[in-house]
Amino acid sequence: MESKNFLEQQFEANRPHLRAVAYRILGSTPDVDDALQDAWLRLSISDAEQIENVTGWLTTVVARICLNTLRARQRRPAGSIDDSTSNINRLVEPSAMTPEERAEVADSIGLALLVVLEMLSPAQRIAFVLHDMFSFSFEEIGQVLGKSTDACRQLASRARRRVRTAQDPSADPQRQREVVDAFLGASRSGDFQTLLSLLSPDVELVTDAAAVAIGAPERKDGPFDVATRFSGGARGARTAFLDGLAGLVWAQGGKPKVAFDFTVIEGKVIRIDMIGDEAVLSEMNIEYLRREKGE
């Protein structure tokens, strides 16, 4: 009985923190309540003496439960959670939270960010929330996601760029597609001047270890070096939506091998990430666009 009372005290002491974690990941009061209830059940049947850090243990458990919930949402029939109205309707109502919880949430997140987070894959969302909002190390996040430290770092970085792009008033998905299409056309034709015109003065090309291993350059900085890298190339790449934003994909046998993730601000490419890590590629929602004549 004393052990159970101790666990109850520990859980209640951590409840505000756990609710904050679950809320930022899930954004839905019923799902948050279910996650905390599940976490308590797991704690109540655990061996308390084997848990060195109760807060860390509970946070990891809650994050894994949230990950399963996010993945279950993805498996629902198309249209059940995709439209903006249903997303907003699932977001937590302020009246459902205590004043302390409302104040804590208001300090670091708002409705607008929650809507943006809905655009991320489950793993991207977990990596972004745990690292950027709760200072989890990528090694710790890897234990939650079952992925390598490097893969978790990439997932968080990709999520961060998605959040930045979505929150930029000048960001326009249609304009991004136009820029990517123009970039691909100029690359294939070797139109160096057009490539330069599409690149920001401080553009950077960043490549992960998996892409480097198959021959990609590790890094290029500045429009001249980036344009030189692509001019006359990209013939095997196809335009695709990567989690809803236009990018390029090079595939072999129908399997994506490298994704070219573009960050476009004010009509200029400011960053291209070449991603070859299978763990990261598997988390992307890749939708190939229709082939145009001549491709």
C-alpha atoms as a PDB file:
ATOM      1  CA  MET A   1       0.000   0.000   0.000  1.00  0.00           C
ATOM      2  CA  GLU A   2       2.818   2.394   0.856  1.00  0.00           C
ATOM      3  CA  SER A   3       4.394   1.707  -2.542  1.00  0.00           C
ATOM      4  CA  LYS A   4       1.129   2.485  -4.331  1.00  0.00           C
ATOM      5  CA  ASN A   5       0.642   5.654  -2.322  1.00  0.00           C
ATOM      6  CA  PHE A   6       4.169   6.702  -3.231  1.00  0.00           C
ATOM      7  CA  LEU A   7       3.483   6.093  -6.925  1.00  0.00           C
ATOM      8  CA  GLU A   8       0.241   8.054  -6.735  1.00  0.00           C
ATOM      9  CA  GLN A   9       2.083  10.964  -5.136  1.00  0.00           C
ATOM     10  CA  GLN A  10       4.762  10.828  -7.804  1.00  0.00           C
ATOM     11  CA  PHE A  11       2.207  10.705 -10.593  1.00  0.00           C
ATOM     12  CA  GLU A  12       0.184  13.613  -9.228  1.00  0.00           C
ATOM     13  CA  ALA A  13       3.341  15.653  -8.759  1.00  0.00           C
ATOM     14  CA  ASN A  14       4.204  15.067 -12.410  1.00  0.00           C
ATOM     15  CA  ARG A  15       0.672  15.426 -13.786  1.00  0.00           C
ATOM     16  CA  PRO A  16       0.985  19.109 -14.909  1.00  0.00           C
ATOM     17  CA  HIS A  17       4.223  18.330 -16.742  1.00  0.00           C
ATOM     18  CA  LEU A  18       2.808  15.180 -18.341  1.00  0.00           C
ATOM     19  CA  ARG A  19      -0.363  16.981 -19.406  1.00  0.00           C
ATOM     20  CA  ALA A  20       1.735  19.732 -20.979  1.00  0.00           C
ATOM     21  CA  VAL A  21       3.783  17.170 -22.933  1.00  0.00           C
ATOM     22  CA  ALA A  22       0.706  15.256 -24.101  1.00  0.00           C
ATOM     23  CA  TYR A  23      -1.197  18.428 -24.978  1.00  0.00           C
ATOM     24  CA  ARG A  24       1.595  19.786 -27.140  1.00  0.00           C
ATOM     25  CA  ILE A  25       1.851  16.468 -28.965  1.00  0.00           C
ATOM     26  CA  LEU A  26      -1.830  15.609 -29.293  1.00  0.00           C
ATOM     27  CA  GLY A  27      -3.747  18.885 -28.997  1.00  0.00           C
ATOM     28  CA  SER A  28      -6.923  17.094 -27.957  1.00  0.00           C
ATOM     29  CA  THR A  29      -8.347  16.988 -24.433  1.00  0.00           C
ATOM     30  CA  PRO A  30      -9.899  13.477 -24.685  1.00  0.00           C
ATOM     31  CA  ASP A  31      -6.691  12.036 -26.148  1.00  0.00           C
ATOM     32  CA  VAL A  32      -4.597  13.773 -23.485  1.00  0.00           C
ATOM     33  CA  ASP A  33      -6.804  12.388 -20.707  1.00  0.00           C
ATOM     34  CA  ASP A  34      -6.585   8.895 -22.203  1.00  0.00           C
ATOM     35  CA  ALA A  35      -2.796   9.137 -22.455  1.00  0.00           C
ATOM     36  CA  LEU A  36      -2.425  10.152 -18.820  1.00  0.00           C
ATOM     37  CA  GLN A  37      -4.794   7.418 -17.672  1.00  0.00           C
ATOM     38  CA  ASP A  38      -2.832   4.843 -19.641  1.00  0.00           C
ATOM     39  CA  ALA A  39       0.442   6.160 -18.203  1.00  0.00           C
ATOM     40  CA  TRP A  40      -0.909   5.855 -14.662  1.00  0.00           C
ATOM     41  CA  LEU A  41      -2.016   2.277 -15.290  1.00  0.00           C
ATOM     42  CA  ARG A  42       1.446   1.377 -16.524  1.00  0.00           C
ATOM     43  CA  LEU A  43       3.080   3.063 -13.560  1.00  0.00           C
ATOM     44  CA  SER A  44       0.723   1.375 -11.066  1.00  0.00           C
ATOM     45  CA  ILE A  45       1.757  -2.109 -12.196  1.00  0.00           C
ATOM     46  CA  SER A  46       5.444  -1.310 -12.527  1.00  0.00           C
ATOM     47  CA  ASP A  47       8.241  -2.124 -10.128  1.00  0.00           C
ATOM     48  CA  ALA A  48       8.825   1.281  -8.533  1.00  0.00           C
ATOM     49  CA  GLU A  49      12.197   0.229  -7.144  1.00  0.00           C
ATOM     50  CA  GLN A  50      13.517  -0.273 -10.682  1.00  0.00           C
ATOM     51  CA  ILE A  51      12.622   3.289 -11.759  1.00  0.00           C
ATOM     52  CA  GLU A  52      15.520   5.638 -11.051  1.00  0.00           C
ATOM     53  CA  ASN A  53      13.912   8.773 -12.513  1.00  0.00           C
ATOM     54  CA  VAL A  54      10.118   8.744 -12.244  1.00  0.00           C
ATOM     55  CA  THR A  55       9.669  11.993 -14.186  1.00  0.00           C
ATOM     56  CA  GLY A  56      11.839  10.783 -17.054  1.00  0.00           C
ATOM     57  CA  TRP A  57      10.184   7.363 -17.044  1.00  0.00           C
ATOM     58  CA  LEU A  58       6.679   8.838 -17.134  1.00  0.00           C
ATOM     59  CA  THR A  59       7.568  11.374 -19.819  1.00  0.00           C
ATOM     60  CA  THR A  60       8.953   8.624 -22.053  1.00  0.00           C
ATOM     61  CA  VAL A  61       5.867   6.468 -21.471  1.00  0.00           C
ATOM     62  CA  VAL A  62       3.499   9.345 -22.239  1.00  0.00           C
ATOM     63  CA  ALA A  63       5.451  10.213 -25.398  1.00  0.00           C
ATOM     64  CA  ARG A  64       5.219   6.615 -26.635  1.00  0.00           C
ATOM     65  CA  ILE A  65       1.492   6.526 -25.928  1.00  0.00           C
ATOM     66  CA  CYS A  66       1.079   9.798 -27.823  1.00  0.00           C
ATOM     67  CA  LEU A  67       3.075   8.395 -30.740  1.00  0.00           C
ATOM     68  CA  ASN A  68       0.707   5.427 -30.957  1.00  0.00           C
ATOM     69  CA  THR A  69      -2.273   7.778 -30.822  1.00  0.00           C
ATOM     70  CA  LEU A  70      -0.904   9.928 -33.657  1.00  0.00           C
ATOM     71  CA  ARG A  71      -0.263   6.863 -35.782  1.00  0.00           C
ATOM     72  CA  ALA A  72      -3.779   5.599 -35.100  1.00  0.00           C
ATOM     73  CA  ARG A  73      -5.132   8.930 -36.337  1.00  0.00           C
ATOM     74  CA  GLN A  74      -3.220   8.447 -39.597  1.00  0.00           C
ATOM     75  CA  ARG A  75      -4.884   5.072 -40.133  1.00  0.00           C
ATOM     76  CA  ARG A  76      -8.390   6.515 -39.955  1.00  0.00           C
ATOM     77  CA  PRO A  77     -10.378   6.754 -43.207  1.00  0.00           C
ATOM     78  CA  ALA A  78      -9.356   9.592 -45.516  1.00  0.00           C
ATOM     79  CA  GLY A  79     -11.068  12.834 -44.674  1.00  0.00           C
ATOM     80  CA  SER A  80     -11.754  11.962 -41.047  1.00  0.00           C
ATOM     81  CA  ILE A  81      -9.070  14.255 -39.658  1.00  0.00           C
ATOM     82  CA  ASP A  82      -7.560  15.965 -42.683  1.00  0.00           C
ATOM     83  CA  ASP A  83      -9.717  19.061 -43.031  1.00  0.00           C
ATOM     84  CA  SER A  84      -8.850  22.154 -41.031  1.00  0.00           C
ATOM     85  CA  THR A  85     -12.244  22.368 -39.347  1.00  0.00           C
ATOM     86  CA  SER A  86     -11.993  18.915 -37.791  1.00  0.00           C
ATOM     87  CA  ASN A  87      -8.425  19.621 -36.702  1.00  0.00           C
ATOM     88  CA  ILE A  88      -9.418  22.825 -34.948  1.00  0.00           C
ATOM     89  CA  ASN A  89     -12.459  21.190 -33.377  1.00  0.00           C
ATOM     90  CA  ARG A  90     -10.231  18.559 -31.778  1.00  0.00           C
ATOM     91  CA  LEU A  91      -7.979  21.132 -30.185  1.00  0.00           C
ATOM     92  CA  VAL A  92      -8.258  21.486 -26.470  1.00  0.00           C
ATOM     93  CA  GLU A  93     -10.806  23.914 -25.059  1.00  0.00           C
ATOM     94  CA  PRO A  94      -9.218  26.319 -22.544  1.00  0.00           C
ATOM     95  CA  SER A  95     -12.085  25.696 -20.102  1.00  0.00           C
ATOM     96  CA  ALA A  96     -11.068  22.038 -19.885  1.00  0.00           C
ATOM     97  CA  MET A  97      -7.759  22.957 -18.266  1.00  0.00           C
ATOM     98  CA  THR A  98      -6.873  24.299 -14.856  1.00  0.00           C
ATOM     99  CA  PRO A  99      -5.694  27.936 -14.647  1.00  0.00           C
ATOM    100  CA  GLU A 100      -2.169  26.707 -13.973  1.00  0.00           C
ATOM    101  CA  GLU A 101      -2.202  24.445 -17.035  1.00  0.00           C
ATOM    102  CA  ARG A 102      -3.644  27.206 -19.225  1.00  0.00           C
ATOM    103  CA  ALA A 103      -0.900  29.583 -18.137  1.00  0.00           C
ATOM    104  CA  GLU A 104       1.803  26.986 -18.759  1.00  0.00           C
ATOM    105  CA  VAL A 105       0.512  26.168 -22.238  1.00  0.00           C
ATOM    106  CA  ALA A 106       0.050  29.828 -23.157  1.00  0.00           C
ATOM    107  CA  ASP A 107       3.708  30.492 -22.370  1.00  0.00           C
ATOM    108  CA  SER A 108       4.988  28.235 -25.138  1.00  0.00           C
ATOM    109  CA  ILE A 109       2.259  27.257 -27.578  1.00  0.00           C
ATOM    110  CA  GLY A 110      -0.953  28.568 -29.070  1.00  0.00           C
ATOM    111  CA  LEU A 111      -3.770  27.487 -31.304  1.00  0.00           C
ATOM    112  CA  ALA A 112      -1.938  28.550 -34.464  1.00  0.00           C
ATOM    113  CA  LEU A 113       1.082  26.382 -33.656  1.00  0.00           C
ATOM    114  CA  LEU A 114      -1.122  23.413 -32.816  1.00  0.00           C
ATOM    115  CA  VAL A 115      -2.709  23.667 -36.257  1.00  0.00           C
ATOM    116  CA  VAL A 116       0.778  23.751 -37.818  1.00  0.00           C
ATOM    117  CA  LEU A 117       1.819  20.698 -35.801  1.00  0.00           C
ATOM    118  CA  GLU A 118      -1.075  18.790 -37.349  1.00  0.00           C
ATOM    119  CA  MET A 119       0.834  18.988 -40.645  1.00  0.00           C
ATOM    120  CA  LEU A 120       3.780  16.991 -39.284  1.00  0.00           C
ATOM    121  CA  SER A 121       4.207  13.238 -39.310  1.00  0.00           C
ATOM    122  CA  PRO A 122       3.923  11.533 -35.895  1.00  0.00           C
ATOM    123  CA  ALA A 123       7.699  11.068 -35.570  1.00  0.00           C
ATOM    124  CA  GLN A 124       8.416  14.648 -36.673  1.00  0.00           C
ATOM    125  CA  ARG A 125       5.931  15.969 -34.155  1.00  0.00           C
ATOM    126  CA  ILE A 126       7.350  13.895 -31.303  1.00  0.00           C
ATOM    127  CA  ALA A 127      10.930  14.901 -32.150  1.00  0.00           C
ATOM    128  CA  PHE A 128      10.055  18.590 -32.456  1.00  0.00           C
ATOM    129  CA  VAL A 129       7.984  18.796 -29.265  1.00  0.00           C
ATOM    130  CA  LEU A 130      10.334  16.791 -27.066  1.00  0.00           C
ATOM    131  CA  HIS A 131      13.496  18.508 -28.291  1.00  0.00           C
ATOM    132  CA  ASP A 132      12.406  22.096 -28.931  1.00  0.00           C
ATOM    133  CA  MET A 133       9.864  22.429 -26.137  1.00  0.00           C
ATOM    134  CA  PHE A 134      11.144  20.070 -23.457  1.00  0.00           C
ATOM    135  CA  SER A 135      14.890  19.901 -24.186  1.00  0.00           C
ATOM    136  CA  PHE A 136      15.021  16.124 -24.617  1.00  0.00           C
ATOM    137  CA  SER A 137      18.289  14.927 -26.121  1.00  0.00           C
ATOM    138  CA  PHE A 138      18.105  13.219 -29.498  1.00  0.00           C
ATOM    139  CA  GLU A 139      19.396  10.068 -27.836  1.00  0.00           C
ATOM    140  CA  GLU A 140      16.396  10.117 -25.480  1.00  0.00           C
ATOM    141  CA  ILE A 141      14.033  10.826 -28.359  1.00  0.00           C
ATOM    142  CA  GLY A 142      15.557   7.877 -30.207  1.00  0.00           C
ATOM    143  CA  GLN A 143      14.490   5.629 -27.348  1.00  0.00           C
ATOM    144  CA  VAL A 144      10.912   6.837 -27.762  1.00  0.00           C
ATOM    145  CA  LEU A 145      10.827   6.552 -31.552  1.00  0.00           C
ATOM    146  CA  GLY A 146      13.073   3.531 -31.970  1.00  0.00           C
ATOM    147  CA  LYS A 147      15.308   5.468 -34.380  1.00  0.00           C
ATOM    148  CA  SER A 148      18.929   6.552 -34.485  1.00  0.00           C
ATOM    149  CA  THR A 149      20.130   9.786 -32.940  1.00  0.00           C
ATOM    150  CA  ASP A 150      20.919  11.204 -36.384  1.00  0.00           C
ATOM    151  CA  ALA A 151      17.473  10.287 -37.697  1.00  0.00           C
ATOM    152  CA  CYS A 152      15.825  12.024 -34.720  1.00  0.00           C
ATOM    153  CA  ARG A 153      17.957  15.108 -35.292  1.00  0.00           C
ATOM    154  CA  GLN A 154      16.811  15.208 -38.919  1.00  0.00           C
ATOM    155  CA  LEU A 155      13.169  14.686 -37.966  1.00  0.00           C
ATOM    156  CA  ALA A 156      13.289  17.615 -35.537  1.00  0.00           C
ATOM    157  CA  SER A 157      15.114  19.810 -38.034  1.00  0.00           C
ATOM    158  CA  ARG A 158      12.619  19.003 -40.778  1.00  0.00           C
ATOM    159  CA  ALA A 159       9.705  19.697 -38.428  1.00  0.00           C
ATOM    160  CA  ARG A 160      11.290  23.007 -37.393  1.00  0.00           C
ATOM    161  CA  ARG A 161      11.552  24.108 -41.017  1.00  0.00           C
ATOM    162  CA  ARG A 162       7.943  23.087 -41.669  1.00  0.00           C
ATOM    163  CA  VAL A 163       6.794  25.150 -38.701  1.00  0.00           C
ATOM    164  CA  ARG A 164       8.874  28.108 -39.851  1.00  0.00           C
ATOM    165  CA  THR A 165       7.526  27.916 -43.404  1.00  0.00           C
ATOM    166  CA  ALA A 166       3.907  27.551 -42.287  1.00  0.00           C
ATOM    167  CA  GLN A 167       4.186  30.539 -39.958  1.00  0.00           C
ATOM    168  CA  ASP A 168       5.827  32.792 -42.570  1.00  0.00           C
ATOM    169  CA  PRO A 169       3.198  35.183 -44.015  1.00  0.00           C
ATOM    170  CA  SER A 170       4.985  35.114 -47.367  1.00  0.00           C
ATOM    171  CA  ALA A 171       4.964  31.310 -47.599  1.00  0.00           C
ATOM    172  CA  ASP A 172       2.726  30.016 -50.378  1.00  0.00           C
ATOM    173  CA  PRO A 173       2.561  26.272 -51.250  1.00  0.00           C
ATOM    174  CA  GLN A 174       1.616  27.070 -54.849  1.00  0.00           C
ATOM    175  CA  ARG A 175       4.538  29.474 -55.177  1.00  0.00           C
ATOM    176  CA  GLN A 176       6.825  26.826 -53.680  1.00  0.00           C
ATOM    177  CA  ARG A 177       5.743  24.343 -56.335  1.00  0.00           C
ATOM    178  CA  GLU A 178       6.379  26.901 -59.080  1.00  0.00           C
ATOM    179  CA  VAL A 179       9.880  27.533 -57.724  1.00  0.00           C
ATOM    180  CA  VAL A 180      10.669  23.797 -57.458  1.00  0.00           C
ATOM    181  CA  ASP A 181       9.334  23.133 -60.966  1.00  0.00           C
ATOM    182  CA  ALA A 182      11.454  25.997 -62.331  1.00  0.00           C
ATOM    183  CA  PHE A 183      14.482  24.712 -60.410  1.00  0.00           C
ATOM    184  CA  LEU A 184      14.080  21.203 -61.834  1.00  0.00           C
ATOM    185  CA  GLY A 185      13.657  22.515 -65.377  1.00  0.00           C
ATOM    186  CA  ALA A 186      16.695  24.773 -65.124  1.00  0.00           C
ATOM    187  CA  SER A 187      18.760  21.954 -63.594  1.00  0.00           C
ATOM    188  CA  ARG A 188      17.957  19.541 -66.400  1.00  0.00           C
ATOM    189  CA  SER A 189      18.601  22.084 -69.168  1.00  0.00           C
ATOM    190  CA  GLY A 190      21.759  23.446 -67.561  1.00  0.00           C
ATOM    191  CA  ASP A 191      20.290  26.953 -67.356  1.00  0.00           C
ATOM    192  CA  PHE A 192      22.784  28.294 -64.838  1.00  0.00           C
ATOM    193  CA  GLN A 193      21.463  31.864 -64.753  1.00  0.00           C
ATOM    194  CA  THR A 194      17.905  30.740 -64.010  1.00  0.00           C
ATOM    195  CA  LEU A 195      19.189  28.535 -61.217  1.00  0.00           C
ATOM    196  CA  LEU A 196      21.039  31.479 -59.714  1.00  0.00           C
ATOM    197  CA  SER A 197      17.898  33.629 -59.922  1.00  0.00           C
ATOM    198  CA  LEU A 198      15.948  31.071 -57.880  1.00  0.00           C
ATOM    199  CA  LEU A 199      18.488  30.828 -55.049  1.00  0.00           C
ATOM    200  CA  SER A 200      18.791  33.060 -52.005  1.00  0.00           C
ATOM    201  CA  PRO A 201      22.181  34.742 -51.487  1.00  0.00           C
ATOM    202  CA  ASP A 202      22.686  32.637 -48.370  1.00  0.00           C
ATOM    203  CA  VAL A 203      21.264  29.369 -49.758  1.00  0.00           C
ATOM    204  CA  GLU A 204      22.706  26.169 -48.344  1.00  0.00           C
ATOM    205  CA  LEU A 205      22.654  22.566 -49.539  1.00  0.00           C
ATOM    206  CA  VAL A 206      22.856  20.127 -46.622  1.00  0.00           C
ATOM    207  CA  THR A 207      23.198  16.380 -47.084  1.00  0.00           C
ATOM    208  CA  ASP A 208      22.717  13.587 -44.555  1.00  0.00           C
ATOM    209  CA  ALA A 209      25.197  10.739 -44.110  1.00  0.00           C
ATOM    210  CA  ALA A 210      23.110   8.250 -46.090  1.00  0.00           C
ATOM    211  CA  ALA A 211      23.004  10.528 -49.140  1.00  0.00           C
ATOM    212  CA  VAL A 212      26.730  11.268 -48.836  1.00  0.00           C
ATOM    213  CA  ALA A 213      27.384   7.524 -48.825  1.00  0.00           C
ATOM    214  CA  ILE A 214      25.865   7.204 -52.306  1.00  0.00           C
ATOM    215  CA  GLY A 215      27.841  10.079 -53.773  1.00  0.00           C
ATOM    216  CA  ALA A 216      26.134  13.336 -52.788  1.00  0.00           C
ATOM    217  CA  PRO A 217      28.280  16.268 -51.615  1.00  0.00           C
ATOM    218  CA  GLU A 218      28.291  16.786 -47.874  1.00  0.00           C
ATOM    219  CA  ARG A 219      27.497  20.496 -48.064  1.00  0.00           C
ATOM    220  CA  LYS A 220      27.426  23.453 -50.445  1.00  0.00           C
ATOM    221  CA  ASP A 221      26.996  27.104 -49.484  1.00  0.00           C
ATOM    222  CA  GLY A 222      26.035  30.063 -51.627  1.00  0.00           C
ATOM    223  CA  PRO A 223      24.153  30.288 -54.943  1.00  0.00           C
ATOM    224  CA  PHE A 224      27.177  29.683 -57.203  1.00  0.00           C
ATOM    225  CA  ASP A 225      28.207  26.394 -55.566  1.00  0.00           C
ATOM    226  CA  VAL A 226      24.629  25.144 -55.224  1.00  0.00           C
ATOM    227  CA  ALA A 227      23.765  26.042 -58.831  1.00  0.00           C
ATOM    228  CA  THR A 228      26.982  24.384 -60.035  1.00  0.00           C
ATOM    229  CA  ARG A 229      26.019  21.200 -58.184  1.00  0.00           C
ATOM    230  CA  PHE A 230      22.635  20.954 -59.912  1.00  0.00           C
ATOM    231  CA  SER A 231      23.270  22.491 -63.327  1.00  0.00           C
ATOM    232  CA  GLY A 232      22.853  19.802 -65.985  1.00  0.00           C
ATOM    233  CA  GLY A 233      21.750  17.243 -63.402  1.00  0.00           C
ATOM    234  CA  ALA A 234      18.626  16.070 -61.552  1.00  0.00           C
ATOM    235  CA  ARG A 235      17.532  14.128 -64.638  1.00  0.00           C
ATOM    236  CA  GLY A 236      16.353  11.194 -62.571  1.00  0.00           C
ATOM    237  CA  ALA A 237      14.472  13.303 -60.023  1.00  0.00           C
ATOM    238  CA  ARG A 238      10.708  13.763 -59.967  1.00  0.00           C
ATOM    239  CA  THR A 239       8.611  16.518 -58.468  1.00  0.00           C
ATOM    240  CA  ALA A 240       6.632  15.355 -55.451  1.00  0.00           C
ATOM    241  CA  PHE A 241       4.797  16.688 -52.457  1.00  0.00           C
ATOM    242  CA  LEU A 242       6.814  15.965 -49.331  1.00  0.00           C
ATOM    243  CA  ASP A 243       4.389  16.262 -46.430  1.00  0.00           C
ATOM    244  CA  GLY A 244       2.311  18.681 -48.477  1.00  0.00           C
ATOM    245  CA  LEU A 245       5.089  20.915 -49.835  1.00  0.00           C
ATOM    246  CA  ALA A 246       6.751  20.555 -53.234  1.00  0.00           C
ATOM    247  CA  GLY A 247      10.186  18.966 -53.416  1.00  0.00           C
ATOM    248  CA  LEU A 248      12.071  16.430 -55.509  1.00  0.00           C
ATOM    249  CA  VAL A 249      12.568  12.688 -55.131  1.00  0.00           C
ATOM    250  CA  TRP A 250      15.081  10.360 -56.756  1.00  0.00           C
ATOM    251  CA  ALA A 251      13.821   6.776 -56.657  1.00  0.00           C
ATOM    252  CA  GLN A 252      15.083   3.370 -57.753  1.00  0.00           C
ATOM    253  CA  GLY A 253      12.650   0.584 -58.527  1.00  0.00           C
ATOM    254  CA  GLY A 254       9.830   2.734 -57.230  1.00  0.00           C
ATOM    255  CA  LYS A 255      11.500   3.130 -53.840  1.00  0.00           C
ATOM    256  CA  PRO A 256      12.592   6.634 -52.745  1.00  0.00           C
ATOM    257  CA  LYS A 257      16.345   6.780 -52.302  1.00  0.00           C
ATOM    258  CA  VAL A 258      16.898  10.525 -51.825  1.00  0.00           C
ATOM    259  CA  ALA A 259      14.415  13.322 -51.129  1.00  0.00           C
ATOM    260  CA  PHE A 260      15.319  16.927 -51.936  1.00  0.00           C
ATOM    261  CA  ASP A 261      13.499  18.955 -49.289  1.00  0.00           C
ATOM    262  CA  PHE A 262      13.214  22.619 -50.322  1.00  0.00           C
ATOM    263  CA  THR A 263      12.693  25.541 -47.975  1.00  0.00           C
ATOM    264  CA  VAL A 264      11.325  28.459 -50.003  1.00  0.00           C
ATOM    265  CA  ILE A 265      10.821  31.900 -48.490  1.00  0.00           C
ATOM    266  CA  GLU A 266       9.610  34.902 -50.512  1.00  0.00           C
ATOM    267  CA  GLY A 267      10.060  33.009 -53.760  1.00  0.00           C
ATOM    268  CA  LYS A 268      13.704  32.101 -53.128  1.00  0.00           C
ATOM    269  CA  VAL A 269      15.243  28.759 -52.195  1.00  0.00           C
ATOM    270  CA  ILE A 270      17.037  29.283 -48.900  1.00  0.00           C
ATOM    271  CA  ARG A 271      17.853  25.644 -48.152  1.00  0.00           C
ATOM    272  CA  ILE A 272      17.841  22.244 -49.819  1.00  0.00           C
ATOM    273  CA  ASP A 273      18.162  19.138 -47.662  1.00  0.00           C
ATOM    274  CA  MET A 274      19.170  15.926 -49.398  1.00  0.00           C
ATOM    275  CA  ILE A 275      17.733  13.127 -47.274  1.00  0.00           C
ATOM    276  CA  GLY A 276      18.743   9.518 -47.798  1.00  0.00           C
ATOM    277  CA  ASP A 277      18.141   8.104 -44.330  1.00  0.00           C
ATOM    278  CA  GLU A 278      15.503   5.371 -44.718  1.00  0.00           C
ATOM    279  CA  ALA A 279      14.126   6.042 -41.228  1.00  0.00           C
ATOM    280  CA  VAL A 280      13.451   9.669 -42.165  1.00  0.00           C
ATOM    281  CA  LEU A 281      12.153   8.873 -45.647  1.00  0.00           C
ATOM    282  CA  SER A 282       9.722   6.355 -44.161  1.00  0.00           C
ATOM    283  CA  GLU A 283       8.135   9.105 -42.078  1.00  0.00           C
ATOM    284  CA  MET A 284       7.492  11.326 -45.106  1.00  0.00           C
ATOM    285  CA  ASN A 285       4.176  11.427 -46.886  1.00  0.00           C
ATOM    286  CA  ILE A 286       5.456  11.385 -50.490  1.00  0.00           C
ATOM    287  CA  GLU A 287       2.980  12.087 -53.277  1.00  0.00           C
ATOM    288  CA  TYR A 288       4.475  12.070 -56.749  1.00  0.00           C
ATOM    289  CA  LEU A 289       3.117  14.703 -59.095  1.00  0.00           C
ATOM    290  CA  ARG A 290       1.939  13.928 -62.591  1.00  0.00           C
ATOM    291  CA  ARG A 291       4.739  13.586 -65.126  1.00  0.00           C
ATOM    292  CA  GLU A 292       4.828  16.349 -67.679  1.00  0.00           C
ATOM    293  CA  LYS A 293       5.580  15.838 -71.365  1.00  0.00           C
ATOM    294  CA  GLY A 294       9.258  15.435 -71.981  1.00  0.00           C
ATOM    295  CA  GLU A 295      10.034  14.051 -68.546  1.00  0.00           C
END
